[in-house]
């Protein structure tokens, strides 16, 4: 029973990020006590959870190892090892109408979410005794989970945000480990309310963040999927040269955060253990070596360009349903209609908001001639004020989206912010 749940959860969460997972193979390996997955490719949609216009250009997961001591479950910790997580990302700022594949992928995601909800409901329908025993066992397993992550390198290359000056940003980590400890700091195993009272010790080895300007993007002469595991490791350590893995580091990284090493301890106490109202239930102590943070002028410029590119993408995304399916040079008229609809929608929203605010705001007092009814002059003043604000709103929106107010050329190029 429990092995089925472990296999299902592995398939449910790892299946969203890696290719080629077999549910039946996972069940067999979980029952044997060891789950070891090696040399897997990451899916292009592995970064969709970030909700950012980026996609995976190439990704590699060297090893995932899960050791479950079934004979002493609840007495010995479950071990989780992750090694060699390499990911190369690139911008995905091209907005297209939803294709059939995208629609099918969205339906598939919804079905998986529904399956997970049904599984959770099925677990809730179990008897109180089984649910209490299973919940206590799972809490003990999670509370004593022993985690080790090593050799992580996540790199983002961007050649479009700052044209002519491609840059790369990355995060590197040599090792991260977390174990359950006692009050003296020694590794231990806790039973009974393991999630209610937690003490974890975390060790961090060489965490670094870099931002390199004016780089040569990585490329290989063959498909990334055909690379050997040793070639993946070599590329993400030294880079590429002439379409092949480099033998040594061609250029030093420009670090925003220099490699840092340290330790941390996290503790969570029971409510009954707190005698003073000012004493926190949760406490974290972090000890780091020398921390150096720096940012070059070119790096700051690259970050600003990246922010502008993401902002323009979000602007285009709002009106993706209006986008033509033909290139700009093929049918510029359709693209001008697309720009007109986008600006018109913005003006309508602004006009509606102005109208609502005008109705809520009381009209200013005016001096009225005795022959003219007061309400007529008040309405005229309000309408004139609203018309003026709409005109200024039109001018502001036109300037913001870079759309010329008047254009007599039918072949003119549509505004770049909407393309």
Protein backbone atom coordinates (compact mmCIF):
# COMPACT_ATOMS: atom_id res chain seq x y z
CA UNK A 1 0.00 0.00 0.00
CA UNK A 2 2.65 2.51 1.03
CA UNK A 3 4.95 1.59 -1.87
CA UNK A 4 2.13 2.37 -4.32
CA UNK A 5 1.76 5.82 -2.80
CA UNK A 6 5.52 6.47 -2.97
CA UNK A 7 5.63 5.38 -6.62
CA UNK A 8 2.58 7.51 -7.43
CA UNK A 9 4.08 10.61 -5.82
CA UNK A 10 7.38 10.08 -7.63
CA UNK A 11 5.54 9.77 -10.92
CA UNK A 12 3.33 12.73 -10.10
CA UNK A 13 6.09 15.21 -9.26
CA UNK A 14 9.17 13.94 -11.12
CA UNK A 15 7.07 13.24 -14.19
CA UNK A 16 6.48 16.96 -14.67
CA UNK A 17 10.19 17.61 -15.03
CA UNK A 18 11.91 14.55 -16.56
CA UNK A 19 11.23 12.31 -19.52
CA UNK A 20 10.81 8.56 -19.71
CA UNK A 21 9.53 7.68 -16.25
CA UNK A 22 7.82 4.30 -16.06
CA UNK A 23 5.20 3.93 -13.34
CA UNK A 24 5.50 0.14 -13.22
CA UNK A 25 9.29 0.29 -13.01
CA UNK A 26 9.00 2.79 -10.17
CA UNK A 27 6.69 0.43 -8.24
CA UNK A 28 9.15 -2.46 -8.58
CA UNK A 29 12.17 -0.39 -7.53
CA UNK A 30 10.31 1.19 -4.61
CA UNK A 31 9.31 -2.25 -3.33
CA UNK A 32 12.93 -3.41 -3.47
CA UNK A 33 13.90 -0.49 -1.26
CA UNK A 34 16.06 1.52 -3.64
CA UNK A 35 14.93 3.89 -6.37
CA UNK A 36 17.75 5.07 -8.60
CA UNK A 37 17.11 7.04 -11.75
CA UNK A 38 20.11 7.95 -13.89
CA UNK A 39 20.93 10.15 -16.89
CA UNK A 40 17.50 11.63 -17.56
CA UNK A 41 16.60 14.56 -19.79
CA UNK A 42 14.60 17.48 -18.43
CA UNK A 43 11.42 18.51 -20.21
CA UNK A 44 11.21 21.89 -22.01
CA UNK A 45 8.30 22.86 -19.75
CA UNK A 46 10.24 22.13 -16.55
CA UNK A 47 10.33 25.86 -15.69
CA UNK A 48 6.66 26.61 -16.34
CA UNK A 49 5.98 26.82 -12.61
CA UNK A 50 8.07 30.02 -12.46
CA UNK A 51 5.48 31.83 -14.63
CA UNK A 52 8.31 33.55 -16.51
CA UNK A 53 8.96 33.81 -20.28
CA UNK A 54 11.80 31.28 -20.17
CA UNK A 55 12.10 27.71 -21.42
CA UNK A 56 14.55 24.86 -21.07
CA UNK A 57 16.99 24.68 -23.97
CA UNK A 58 18.78 21.68 -22.51
CA UNK A 59 18.53 19.87 -19.19
CA UNK A 60 20.14 16.85 -17.56
CA UNK A 61 19.48 15.03 -14.29
CA UNK A 62 22.43 12.81 -13.49
CA UNK A 63 21.10 10.79 -10.58
CA UNK A 64 18.10 10.60 -8.26
CA UNK A 65 18.46 8.02 -5.51
CA UNK A 66 15.87 7.17 -2.89
CA UNK A 67 16.66 4.62 -0.18
CA UNK A 68 13.66 3.34 1.77
CA UNK A 69 14.45 0.96 4.68
CA UNK A 70 11.20 -1.04 4.53
CA UNK A 71 12.30 -3.50 7.22
CA UNK A 72 13.01 -0.65 9.66
CA UNK A 73 10.62 1.97 8.33
CA UNK A 74 9.89 4.44 11.09
CA UNK A 75 13.20 3.60 12.79
CA UNK A 76 15.79 4.56 10.15
CA UNK A 77 15.72 7.68 7.97
CA UNK A 78 14.75 7.73 4.30
CA UNK A 79 17.71 8.92 2.22
CA UNK A 80 17.28 11.18 -0.84
CA UNK A 81 20.25 11.98 -3.07
CA UNK A 82 20.21 14.35 -6.05
CA UNK A 83 23.36 14.70 -8.12
CA UNK A 84 24.30 16.62 -11.28
CA UNK A 85 21.32 18.84 -12.01
CA UNK A 86 22.27 20.80 -15.13
CA UNK A 87 19.84 23.18 -16.79
CA UNK A 88 20.34 25.64 -19.66
CA UNK A 89 17.46 28.09 -20.17
CA UNK A 90 16.73 30.71 -22.81
CA UNK A 91 14.06 33.40 -23.39
CA UNK A 92 10.60 32.37 -24.57
CA UNK A 93 9.12 35.78 -25.30
CA UNK A 94 7.49 34.92 -28.62
CA UNK A 95 3.74 35.06 -28.09
CA UNK A 96 1.68 32.87 -30.37
CA UNK A 97 -1.92 31.85 -30.42
CA UNK A 98 -2.68 28.67 -28.55
CA UNK A 99 -1.80 25.67 -30.73
CA UNK A 100 -3.49 22.29 -30.57
CA UNK A 101 -0.52 20.85 -28.66
CA UNK A 102 -0.76 23.59 -26.06
CA UNK A 103 -4.48 22.93 -25.63
CA UNK A 104 -3.87 19.19 -25.21
CA UNK A 105 -1.08 19.84 -22.71
CA UNK A 106 -3.37 22.10 -20.67
CA UNK A 107 -6.07 19.39 -20.67
CA UNK A 108 -3.52 16.81 -19.59
CA UNK A 109 -2.40 19.01 -16.69
CA UNK A 110 -5.99 19.45 -15.55
CA UNK A 111 -6.58 15.69 -15.67
CA UNK A 112 -3.46 15.10 -13.56
CA UNK A 113 -4.65 17.65 -11.02
CA UNK A 114 -8.05 15.96 -10.85
CA UNK A 115 -6.40 12.56 -10.36
CA UNK A 116 -4.35 13.94 -7.49
CA UNK A 117 -7.47 15.40 -5.86
CA UNK A 118 -9.30 12.07 -6.24
CA UNK A 119 -6.34 10.25 -4.69
CA UNK A 120 -6.33 12.65 -1.75
CA UNK A 121 -10.08 12.17 -1.26
CA UNK A 122 -9.62 8.40 -1.35
CA UNK A 123 -7.04 8.67 1.41
CA UNK A 124 -9.45 10.71 3.51
CA UNK A 125 -12.12 8.01 3.24
CA UNK A 126 -9.97 5.42 5.02
CA UNK A 127 -10.77 4.36 8.56
CA UNK A 128 -9.61 6.51 11.46
CA UNK A 129 -7.25 3.81 12.65
CA UNK A 130 -5.49 3.37 9.32
CA UNK A 131 -5.44 7.09 8.73
CA UNK A 132 -3.95 7.74 12.14
CA UNK A 133 -1.29 5.06 11.70
CA UNK A 134 -0.42 6.11 8.16
CA UNK A 135 -0.34 9.80 9.05
CA UNK A 136 1.94 9.17 11.99
CA UNK A 137 4.26 7.04 9.85
CA UNK A 138 4.44 9.63 7.06
CA UNK A 139 5.13 12.39 9.58
CA UNK A 140 7.96 10.33 11.04
CA UNK A 141 9.43 9.69 7.58
CA UNK A 142 9.27 13.34 6.50
CA UNK A 143 10.51 14.63 9.83
CA UNK A 144 13.61 12.39 9.63
CA UNK A 145 14.24 12.76 5.91
CA UNK A 146 17.94 12.90 5.07
CA UNK A 147 18.61 15.02 1.99
CA UNK A 148 21.75 15.52 -0.08
CA UNK A 149 21.99 17.66 -3.24
CA UNK A 150 25.25 18.07 -5.14
CA UNK A 151 26.62 19.53 -8.39
CA UNK A 152 23.88 21.94 -9.41
CA UNK A 153 24.34 24.46 -12.21
CA UNK A 154 21.38 26.42 -13.61
CA UNK A 155 22.28 28.83 -16.42
CA UNK A 156 20.16 31.34 -18.34
CA UNK A 157 21.46 32.74 -21.64
CA UNK A 158 19.80 35.77 -23.21
CA UNK A 159 20.67 37.19 -26.61
CA UNK A 160 17.54 39.24 -27.29
CA UNK A 161 16.97 41.47 -24.25
CA UNK A 162 20.13 43.49 -24.95
CA UNK A 163 20.76 43.12 -28.72
CA UNK A 164 24.43 42.89 -29.61
CA UNK A 165 25.39 42.20 -26.00
CA UNK A 166 24.31 38.66 -25.03
CA UNK A 167 24.63 37.82 -21.36
CA UNK A 168 24.29 34.82 -19.09
CA UNK A 169 23.18 34.45 -15.47
CA UNK A 170 23.58 31.35 -13.38
CA UNK A 171 23.39 29.68 -9.99
CA UNK A 172 25.95 27.10 -8.93
CA UNK A 173 25.97 24.87 -5.86
CA UNK A 174 28.52 22.23 -4.96
CA UNK A 175 26.58 20.58 -2.16
CA UNK A 176 23.62 21.02 0.17
CA UNK A 177 22.77 18.52 2.90
CA UNK A 178 20.11 18.45 5.61
CA UNK A 179 19.75 16.00 8.53
CA UNK A 180 17.73 15.75 11.73
CA UNK A 181 19.73 16.56 14.87
CA UNK A 182 19.17 16.63 18.62
CA UNK A 183 19.73 19.49 21.08
CA UNK A 184 23.49 18.91 21.05
CA UNK A 185 23.71 19.03 17.24
CA UNK A 186 24.27 15.29 16.70
CA UNK A 187 22.38 13.37 14.02
CA UNK A 188 19.41 11.51 15.49
CA UNK A 189 16.07 9.88 14.68
CA UNK A 190 12.84 11.27 16.18
CA UNK A 191 9.60 9.33 16.58
CA UNK A 192 6.20 10.57 17.63
CA UNK A 193 5.26 14.04 16.44
CA UNK A 194 8.32 14.37 14.22
CA UNK A 195 6.72 17.24 12.30
CA UNK A 196 5.58 19.03 15.46
CA UNK A 197 9.06 19.34 16.89
CA UNK A 198 11.77 19.61 14.24
CA UNK A 199 15.49 20.28 14.48
CA UNK A 200 17.39 20.31 11.21
CA UNK A 201 21.02 21.00 10.47
CA UNK A 202 21.85 22.29 6.98
CA UNK A 203 25.31 22.49 5.43
CA UNK A 204 25.94 24.67 2.40
CA UNK A 205 29.05 24.32 0.24
CA UNK A 206 30.00 26.93 -2.38
CA UNK A 207 26.77 28.60 -3.37
CA UNK A 208 27.40 31.25 -6.05
CA UNK A 209 25.45 33.54 -8.40
CA UNK A 210 27.06 35.03 -11.51
CA UNK A 211 26.14 37.42 -14.32
CA UNK A 212 28.45 37.41 -17.35
CA UNK A 213 28.09 40.16 -19.98
CA UNK A 214 29.04 39.99 -23.67
CA UNK A 215 29.31 36.22 -23.73
CA UNK A 216 29.40 33.66 -26.52
CA UNK A 217 26.35 31.41 -26.03
CA UNK A 218 26.99 27.73 -25.49
CA UNK A 219 26.41 25.50 -28.49
CA UNK A 220 27.28 21.95 -29.49
CA UNK A 221 27.58 20.37 -32.93
CA UNK A 222 25.14 17.60 -32.07
CA UNK A 223 21.80 17.40 -30.32
CA UNK A 224 21.94 18.00 -26.58
CA UNK A 225 20.08 14.73 -26.03
CA UNK A 226 22.98 12.83 -27.61
CA UNK A 227 25.60 14.11 -25.16
CA UNK A 228 27.28 11.64 -22.84
CA UNK A 229 26.99 12.17 -19.05
CA UNK A 230 30.68 13.07 -18.92
CA UNK A 231 30.16 15.68 -21.65
CA UNK A 232 27.29 17.26 -19.72
CA UNK A 233 29.51 17.58 -16.66
CA UNK A 234 32.36 19.04 -18.71
CA UNK A 235 30.18 21.62 -20.47
CA UNK A 236 28.58 22.91 -17.29
CA UNK A 237 31.97 23.14 -15.64
CA UNK A 238 34.06 24.74 -18.42
CA UNK A 239 31.60 25.72 -21.18
CA UNK A 240 31.89 25.00 -24.90
CA UNK A 241 34.50 25.75 -27.57
CA UNK A 242 33.97 25.29 -31.31
CA UNK A 243 30.85 23.24 -30.71
CA UNK A 244 32.54 20.83 -28.29
CA UNK A 245 32.99 20.67 -24.50
CA UNK A 246 35.88 22.89 -23.41
CA UNK A 247 38.84 21.36 -21.60
CA UNK A 248 39.37 24.30 -19.24
CA UNK A 249 37.57 27.44 -18.11
CA UNK A 250 37.76 29.93 -20.98
CA UNK A 251 36.57 32.93 -18.97
CA UNK A 252 36.12 33.57 -15.29
CA UNK A 253 32.61 34.28 -14.07
CA UNK A 254 31.58 37.75 -12.97
CA UNK A 255 30.02 36.88 -9.62
CA UNK A 256 27.14 38.78 -8.09
CA UNK A 257 27.48 36.51 -5.07
CA UNK A 258 30.95 35.07 -4.56
CA UNK A 259 31.03 31.34 -3.63
CA UNK A 260 29.88 31.11 -0.02
CA UNK A 261 30.00 28.22 2.45
CA UNK A 262 28.20 27.95 5.75
CA UNK A 263 25.91 26.11 8.14
CA UNK A 264 22.40 26.68 9.38
CA UNK A 265 20.22 25.20 12.09
CA UNK A 266 16.44 25.31 12.11
CA UNK A 267 14.30 24.37 15.09
CA UNK A 268 10.55 24.24 15.67
CA UNK A 269 9.28 23.85 19.22
CA UNK A 270 6.03 22.53 20.59
CA UNK A 271 3.54 25.04 21.93
CA UNK A 272 3.74 23.37 25.34
CA UNK A 273 7.51 23.96 25.47
CA UNK A 274 7.16 27.73 25.15
CA UNK A 275 6.95 29.30 28.59
CA UNK A 276 7.50 32.91 27.59
CA UNK A 277 5.14 34.65 25.16
CA UNK A 278 8.14 36.44 23.62
CA UNK A 279 9.93 33.18 22.87
CA UNK A 280 9.53 32.21 19.17
CA UNK A 281 8.12 28.83 18.16
CA UNK A 282 10.51 28.69 15.20
CA UNK A 283 14.13 29.69 15.20
CA UNK A 284 16.84 29.69 12.53
CA UNK A 285 20.54 30.38 12.99
CA UNK A 286 22.71 30.89 9.91
CA UNK A 287 26.52 31.05 9.98
CA UNK A 288 28.21 31.95 6.70
CA UNK A 289 31.75 32.60 5.65
CA UNK A 290 32.72 35.89 4.05
CA UNK A 291 29.85 37.09 1.85
CA UNK A 292 30.81 39.31 -1.09
CA UNK A 293 28.15 40.87 -3.31
CA UNK A 294 29.01 43.02 -6.33
CA UNK A 295 27.39 44.13 -9.59
CA UNK A 296 29.17 45.65 -12.56
CA UNK A 297 27.85 48.47 -14.69
CA UNK A 298 27.32 46.14 -17.66
CA UNK A 299 25.53 43.67 -15.41
CA UNK A 300 23.17 46.38 -14.15
CA UNK A 301 22.41 47.36 -17.74
CA UNK A 302 21.68 43.75 -18.66
CA UNK A 303 19.28 43.39 -15.73
CA UNK A 304 17.38 46.55 -16.75
CA UNK A 305 17.13 45.31 -20.34
CA UNK A 306 15.88 41.95 -19.12
CA UNK A 307 13.20 43.63 -16.99
CA UNK A 308 12.07 45.71 -19.98
CA UNK A 309 11.90 42.61 -22.17
CA UNK A 310 9.78 40.75 -19.61
CA UNK A 311 7.49 43.77 -19.23
CA UNK A 312 7.01 43.96 -23.01
CA UNK A 313 6.22 40.24 -23.05
CA UNK A 314 3.52 40.67 -20.41
CA UNK A 315 2.07 43.52 -22.49
CA UNK A 316 1.94 41.33 -25.61
CA UNK A 317 0.50 38.43 -23.65
CA UNK A 318 -2.62 40.41 -22.74
CA UNK A 319 -3.62 40.63 -26.40
CA UNK A 320 -2.30 37.29 -27.66
CA UNK A 321 -5.81 36.32 -28.84
CA UNK A 322 -5.69 39.18 -31.37
CA UNK A 323 -2.31 38.21 -32.85
CA UNK A 324 -2.28 37.39 -36.58
CA UNK A 325 -0.97 34.00 -37.65
CA UNK A 326 1.01 35.44 -40.58
CA UNK A 327 4.39 37.24 -40.54
CA UNK A 328 4.51 41.04 -40.48
CA UNK A 329 6.00 41.33 -43.98
CA UNK A 330 3.32 39.08 -45.45
CA UNK A 331 0.28 40.98 -44.18
CA UNK A 332 1.08 44.23 -42.40
CA UNK A 333 -2.58 45.29 -42.55
CA UNK A 334 -3.54 42.47 -40.18
CA UNK A 335 -0.82 43.52 -37.79
CA UNK A 336 -2.04 47.13 -37.82
CA UNK A 337 -5.55 45.87 -37.04
CA UNK A 338 -4.02 43.90 -34.17
CA UNK A 339 -2.32 47.05 -32.86
CA UNK A 340 -5.56 49.03 -33.25
CA UNK A 341 -7.55 46.46 -31.27
CA UNK A 342 -4.97 46.36 -28.50
CA UNK A 343 -4.92 50.15 -28.13
CA UNK A 344 -8.70 50.33 -28.40
CA UNK A 345 -9.07 47.88 -25.53
CA UNK A 346 -6.78 49.98 -23.38
CA UNK A 347 -8.71 53.15 -24.23
CA UNK A 348 -12.05 51.49 -23.46
CA UNK A 349 -10.79 50.34 -20.07
CA UNK A 350 -9.41 53.79 -19.30
CA UNK A 351 -12.64 55.47 -20.43
CA UNK A 352 -14.73 53.13 -18.31
CA UNK A 353 -12.61 53.84 -15.24
CA UNK A 354 -12.85 57.58 -15.90
CA UNK A 355 -16.61 57.35 -16.28
CA UNK A 356 -16.96 55.46 -13.01
CA UNK A 357 -14.76 57.94 -11.17
CA UNK A 358 -16.70 60.87 -12.61
CA UNK A 359 -20.00 59.41 -11.47
CA UNK A 360 -18.67 58.80 -7.99
CA UNK A 361 -16.96 62.17 -7.69
CA UNK A 362 -19.38 65.08 -6.98
CA UNK A 363 -19.53 67.77 -9.65
CA UNK A 364 -17.73 71.04 -8.79
CA UNK A 365 -19.91 74.08 -8.10
CA UNK A 366 -20.43 76.40 -11.06
CA UNK A 367 -21.85 79.91 -11.53
CA UNK A 368 -25.05 79.54 -13.55
CA UNK A 369 -26.98 82.21 -15.44
CA UNK A 370 -30.52 82.52 -14.19
CA UNK A 371 -31.99 81.70 -17.64
CA UNK A 372 -30.09 78.37 -17.86
CA UNK A 373 -31.19 75.40 -15.69
CA UNK A 374 -28.43 74.47 -13.21
CA UNK A 375 -28.47 70.75 -14.03
CA UNK A 376 -27.84 71.41 -17.74
CA UNK A 377 -24.71 73.44 -17.05
CA UNK A 378 -23.45 70.90 -14.51
CA UNK A 379 -23.89 68.02 -16.98
CA UNK A 380 -22.23 70.04 -19.74
CA UNK A 381 -19.24 70.81 -17.53
CA UNK A 382 -18.94 67.16 -16.49
CA UNK A 383 -19.18 65.93 -20.10
CA UNK A 384 -16.56 68.45 -21.22
CA UNK A 385 -14.27 67.38 -18.38
CA UNK A 386 -14.76 63.69 -19.28
CA UNK A 387 -14.09 64.36 -22.98
CA UNK A 388 -10.87 66.18 -22.13
CA UNK A 389 -9.66 63.33 -19.94
CA UNK A 390 -10.50 60.78 -22.66
CA UNK A 391 -8.48 62.76 -25.22
CA UNK A 392 -5.49 62.93 -22.89
CA UNK A 393 -5.92 59.23 -22.13
CA UNK A 394 -5.90 58.49 -25.87
CA UNK A 395 -2.70 60.47 -26.36
CA UNK A 396 -1.09 58.79 -23.34
CA UNK A 397 -1.98 55.29 -24.52
CA UNK A 398 -0.75 56.00 -28.04
CA UNK A 399 2.56 57.27 -26.73
CA UNK A 400 2.91 54.35 -24.32
CA UNK A 401 2.43 51.65 -26.97
CA UNK A 402 4.43 53.60 -29.58
CA UNK A 403 1.60 53.61 -32.13
CA UNK A 404 1.50 56.65 -34.45
CA UNK A 405 -1.81 58.50 -34.21
CA UNK A 406 -1.91 59.14 -37.95
CA UNK A 407 -0.32 56.96 -40.60
CA UNK A 408 -1.12 56.98 -44.32
CA UNK A 409 1.25 54.12 -45.25
CA UNK A 410 -0.50 50.76 -45.34
CA UNK A 411 2.82 48.90 -45.42
CA UNK A 412 4.21 50.53 -42.29
CA UNK A 413 5.64 48.20 -39.67
CA UNK A 414 3.45 47.67 -36.56
CA UNK A 415 4.77 48.74 -33.17
CA UNK A 416 7.53 46.46 -31.90
CA UNK A 417 6.15 46.32 -28.36
CA UNK A 418 3.17 44.31 -29.64
CA UNK A 419 5.12 41.99 -31.93
